């Protein structure tokens, strides 16, 4: 779900979104090939198919740590619960 939501929003770098959209199907394909004994588990083909997904997750984590989340236009106008009810 996260991979599908990110291209629609302004979060993350454009190249990293493409890595996720390419990497997900590659992981599914390599897992299916392992299930049907076409390739060996942990083989070079499976590792190569995992690299785009790994890079996507790494870049997303680094991006969000450095840049942070951008506020949503829907929730930007809402007051925080602490500010709304002073004690």
Protein backbone atom coordinates (compact mmCIF):
# COMPACT_ATOMS: atom_id res chain seq x y z
CA UNK A 1 0.00 0.00 0.00
CA UNK A 2 2.82 2.37 0.81
CA UNK A 3 4.38 1.89 -2.60
CA UNK A 4 1.04 2.68 -4.25
CA UNK A 5 0.36 5.77 -2.14
CA UNK A 6 3.76 7.40 -2.57
CA UNK A 7 3.57 8.09 -6.34
CA UNK A 8 0.30 9.97 -5.78
CA UNK A 9 1.77 12.22 -3.14
CA UNK A 10 4.74 14.54 -3.14
CA UNK A 11 6.69 12.39 -0.69
CA UNK A 12 9.99 10.87 -1.69
CA UNK A 13 12.28 11.34 -4.63
CA UNK A 14 10.91 10.46 -8.04
CA UNK A 15 13.62 7.89 -8.83
CA UNK A 16 13.06 6.01 -5.57
CA UNK A 17 9.35 5.60 -6.34
CA UNK A 18 10.23 3.92 -9.60
CA UNK A 19 12.60 1.57 -7.80
CA UNK A 20 9.73 0.44 -5.59
CA UNK A 21 7.36 -0.03 -8.51
CA UNK A 22 9.96 -2.14 -10.32
CA UNK A 23 11.28 -3.98 -7.26
CA UNK A 24 7.96 -5.27 -5.92
CA UNK A 25 7.01 -7.33 -8.98
CA UNK A 26 10.59 -8.60 -9.25
CA UNK A 27 10.45 -9.92 -5.68
CA UNK A 28 7.10 -11.58 -6.36
CA UNK A 29 8.49 -13.14 -9.54
CA UNK A 30 11.65 -14.41 -7.86
CA UNK A 31 9.65 -15.83 -4.94
CA UNK A 32 7.32 -17.62 -7.34
CA UNK A 33 10.28 -19.05 -9.26
CA UNK A 34 11.75 -20.35 -6.00
CA UNK A 35 8.42 -21.98 -5.07
CA UNK A 36 8.34 -23.85 -8.38
CA UNK A 37 12.03 -24.87 -8.12
CA UNK A 38 13.04 -22.88 -11.18
CA UNK A 39 15.78 -21.07 -9.25
CA UNK A 40 17.48 -21.91 -5.97
CA UNK A 41 16.63 -19.95 -2.80
CA UNK A 42 19.29 -17.31 -2.21
CA UNK A 43 20.71 -17.71 -5.71
CA UNK A 44 22.24 -14.85 -7.65
CA UNK A 45 19.05 -14.34 -9.64
CA UNK A 46 17.00 -13.91 -6.47
CA UNK A 47 19.55 -11.52 -4.99
CA UNK A 48 19.61 -9.42 -8.16
CA UNK A 49 15.79 -9.30 -8.17
CA UNK A 50 15.85 -8.06 -4.56
CA UNK A 51 18.28 -5.16 -5.15
CA UNK A 52 15.72 -2.58 -6.48
CA UNK A 53 13.37 -3.20 -3.55
CA UNK A 54 16.24 -2.96 -1.08
CA UNK A 55 17.41 0.34 -2.59
CA UNK A 56 13.84 1.70 -2.54
CA UNK A 57 13.36 0.90 1.14
CA UNK A 58 16.80 2.29 2.00
CA UNK A 59 16.25 5.52 0.05
CA UNK A 60 12.74 6.00 1.51
CA UNK A 61 14.02 5.60 5.06
CA UNK A 62 16.91 8.01 4.51
CA UNK A 63 14.67 10.52 2.71
CA UNK A 64 12.10 10.54 5.49
CA UNK A 65 14.78 10.89 8.17
CA UNK A 66 16.41 13.82 6.38
CA UNK A 67 13.40 15.63 4.88
CA UNK A 68 10.59 14.39 7.11
CA UNK A 69 6.93 14.12 6.24
CA UNK A 70 5.22 17.00 4.49
CA UNK A 71 1.95 18.07 6.14
CA UNK A 72 -1.20 16.91 4.44
CA UNK A 73 -3.42 19.69 3.03
CA UNK A 74 -6.40 17.99 4.67
CA UNK A 75 -4.95 18.04 8.19
CA UNK A 76 -2.90 21.24 7.89
CA UNK A 77 -5.80 23.41 9.06
CA UNK A 78 -6.70 21.27 12.07
CA UNK A 79 -5.52 22.31 15.51
CA UNK A 80 -3.67 19.79 17.65
CA UNK A 81 -5.72 18.29 20.52
CA UNK A 82 -3.32 19.78 23.09
CA UNK A 83 -3.77 23.30 21.71
CA UNK A 84 -7.55 22.95 21.42
CA UNK A 85 -8.20 22.13 25.07
CA UNK A 86 -5.95 24.04 27.50
CA UNK A 87 -5.72 22.67 31.01
